[in-house]
Amino acid sequence: MSKKLCKQYLDALNEGNLEKILSLFAPDAVVVSPLYGEILATTFYTDLFADTNRSETKLLNIFDSVGDNSSVALHFHYSWTLKNGKVVNFECVDIIEITPDTKKINKLEIIYDTAPLRADFNESKFSS
């Protein structure tokens, strides 16, 4: 189930579909992001989609956890078109904790190096 959920997540991210992406998360789920901090998933994706013109992901790997821990890691290439039209490309890993029933995302932690894109992000976010 976790691999299917991960693919649904990337599809919703690529579509920029807020309702679809939030349907994959538990009601109190959190996202930990290098640019946005630790916030509720509802707030994170509302803000992310407001800051985004287009998202395109290319899945590279899915890593399952060992044992009873319901976690999975997505390794993918992300092409992110910011609201000002600037495109930033990077590889990232999303660590996803899945609810015990394996139907929803309980926590998502995003890991990538923000140094190459932070100036472009800040310019796009704070210039309008």
Protein backbone atom coordinates (compact mmCIF):
# COMPACT_ATOMS: atom_id res chain seq x y z
CA MET A 1 0.00 0.00 0.00
CA SER A 2 2.78 2.45 0.80
CA LYS A 3 4.17 2.42 -2.74
CA LYS A 4 0.72 3.13 -4.18
CA LEU A 5 0.25 5.99 -1.69
CA CYS A 6 3.65 7.42 -2.65
CA LYS A 7 2.82 7.39 -6.34
CA GLN A 8 -0.55 9.02 -5.64
CA TYR A 9 1.31 11.67 -3.66
CA LEU A 10 3.68 12.49 -6.53
CA ASP A 11 0.80 12.55 -9.02
CA ALA A 12 -1.13 15.03 -6.85
CA LEU A 13 2.01 17.15 -6.41
CA ASN A 14 2.57 17.23 -10.18
CA GLU A 15 -1.07 18.21 -10.75
CA GLY A 16 -0.95 20.94 -8.10
CA ASN A 17 -4.23 19.56 -6.83
CA LEU A 18 -4.68 20.72 -3.23
CA GLU A 19 -7.80 18.66 -2.52
CA LYS A 20 -6.26 15.51 -3.95
CA ILE A 21 -2.98 15.86 -2.08
CA LEU A 22 -4.65 16.65 1.25
CA SER A 23 -6.89 13.60 0.87
CA LEU A 24 -3.72 11.50 1.23
CA PHE A 25 -2.90 12.97 4.66
CA ALA A 26 -4.33 12.28 8.11
CA PRO A 27 -6.25 15.32 9.47
CA ASP A 28 -3.47 16.35 11.89
CA ALA A 29 -0.54 15.39 9.66
CA VAL A 30 2.57 17.57 9.62
CA VAL A 31 5.19 18.40 7.04
CA VAL A 32 8.78 19.26 7.93
CA SER A 33 10.31 21.35 5.14
CA PRO A 34 13.71 23.04 4.86
CA LEU A 35 12.05 26.20 3.47
CA TYR A 36 8.73 26.31 5.32
CA GLY A 37 9.59 24.69 8.66
CA GLU A 38 7.37 22.23 10.55
CA ILE A 39 3.71 22.98 9.89
CA LEU A 40 0.39 21.25 9.35
CA ALA A 41 0.10 19.60 5.95
CA THR A 42 -2.97 21.72 5.14
CA THR A 43 -0.96 24.91 5.65
CA PHE A 44 2.16 23.60 3.91
CA TYR A 45 0.42 22.57 0.68
CA THR A 46 -1.74 25.70 0.58
CA ASP A 47 1.45 27.79 0.85
CA LEU A 48 3.47 25.60 -1.51
CA PHE A 49 0.84 25.71 -4.25
CA ALA A 50 0.52 29.49 -3.83
CA ASP A 51 4.29 29.76 -4.39
CA THR A 52 4.27 27.39 -7.39
CA ASN A 53 3.42 27.75 -11.06
CA ARG A 54 4.28 24.14 -11.88
CA SER A 55 5.75 21.01 -10.30
CA GLU A 56 7.27 18.11 -12.16
CA THR A 57 8.73 15.10 -10.40
CA LYS A 58 10.63 12.11 -11.69
CA LEU A 59 10.64 9.20 -9.27
CA LEU A 60 14.09 7.67 -8.84
CA ASN A 61 13.63 5.25 -5.91
CA ILE A 62 11.22 4.15 -3.22
CA PHE A 63 12.76 2.75 -0.04
CA ASP A 64 10.65 0.78 2.45
CA SER A 65 11.39 0.65 6.17
CA VAL A 66 12.53 -2.47 7.97
CA GLY A 67 10.42 -4.01 10.72
CA ASP A 68 7.16 -2.65 12.10
CA ASN A 69 7.92 1.01 11.35
CA SER A 70 5.48 2.23 8.71
CA SER A 71 7.83 4.55 6.87
CA VAL A 72 8.88 4.89 3.28
CA ALA A 73 11.32 7.21 1.54
CA LEU A 74 10.82 8.73 -1.90
CA HIS A 75 13.92 9.77 -3.81
CA PHE A 76 13.03 11.93 -6.78
CA HIS A 77 14.12 14.74 -9.06
CA TYR A 78 12.01 17.86 -8.61
CA SER A 79 11.61 20.56 -11.23
CA TRP A 80 9.85 23.41 -9.44
CA THR A 81 8.60 26.44 -11.33
CA LEU A 82 8.19 29.23 -8.79
CA LYS A 83 5.37 31.77 -9.02
CA ASN A 84 7.74 34.27 -10.68
CA GLY A 85 8.52 31.77 -13.46
CA LYS A 86 12.02 30.82 -12.25
CA VAL A 87 12.67 27.09 -12.52
CA VAL A 88 14.76 25.35 -9.88
CA ASN A 89 15.83 21.72 -10.21
CA PHE A 90 17.07 19.46 -7.45
CA GLU A 91 17.01 15.94 -6.06
CA CYS A 92 15.25 15.36 -2.80
CA VAL A 93 14.14 12.67 -0.42
CA ASP A 94 10.78 12.68 1.31
CA ILE A 95 10.54 10.50 4.41
CA ILE A 96 6.91 9.51 4.82
CA GLU A 97 5.43 8.10 8.02
CA ILE A 98 2.22 6.25 7.26
CA THR A 99 -0.71 5.81 9.64
CA PRO A 100 -1.01 2.36 11.29
CA ASP A 101 -3.82 1.40 8.89
CA THR A 102 -1.43 2.27 5.99
CA LYS A 103 -4.08 4.45 4.33
CA LYS A 104 -2.83 7.99 5.04
CA ILE A 105 0.35 9.99 5.50
CA ASN A 106 0.88 10.98 9.12
CA LYS A 107 4.14 12.93 8.68
CA LEU A 108 6.28 13.91 5.73
CA GLU A 109 9.83 15.19 6.14
CA ILE A 110 11.48 16.75 3.09
CA ILE A 111 15.27 16.58 2.77
CA TYR A 112 17.29 18.52 0.20
CA ASP A 113 20.02 21.14 -0.03
CA THR A 114 18.35 24.55 -0.13
CA ALA A 115 21.55 26.53 -0.73
CA PRO A 116 21.37 26.47 -4.56
CA LEU A 117 17.74 27.62 -4.66
CA ARG A 118 17.14 29.72 -1.54
CA ALA A 119 17.86 33.06 -3.26
CA ASP A 120 15.46 32.26 -6.12
CA PHE A 121 12.80 31.11 -3.65
CA ASN A 122 13.14 34.23 -1.51
CA GLU A 123 13.03 36.50 -4.57
CA SER A 124 9.89 34.79 -5.84
CA LYS A 125 8.14 34.63 -2.47
CA PHE A 126 8.87 38.13 -1.24
CA SER A 127 9.01 40.19 -4.45
CA SER A 128 5.27 40.47 -5.01
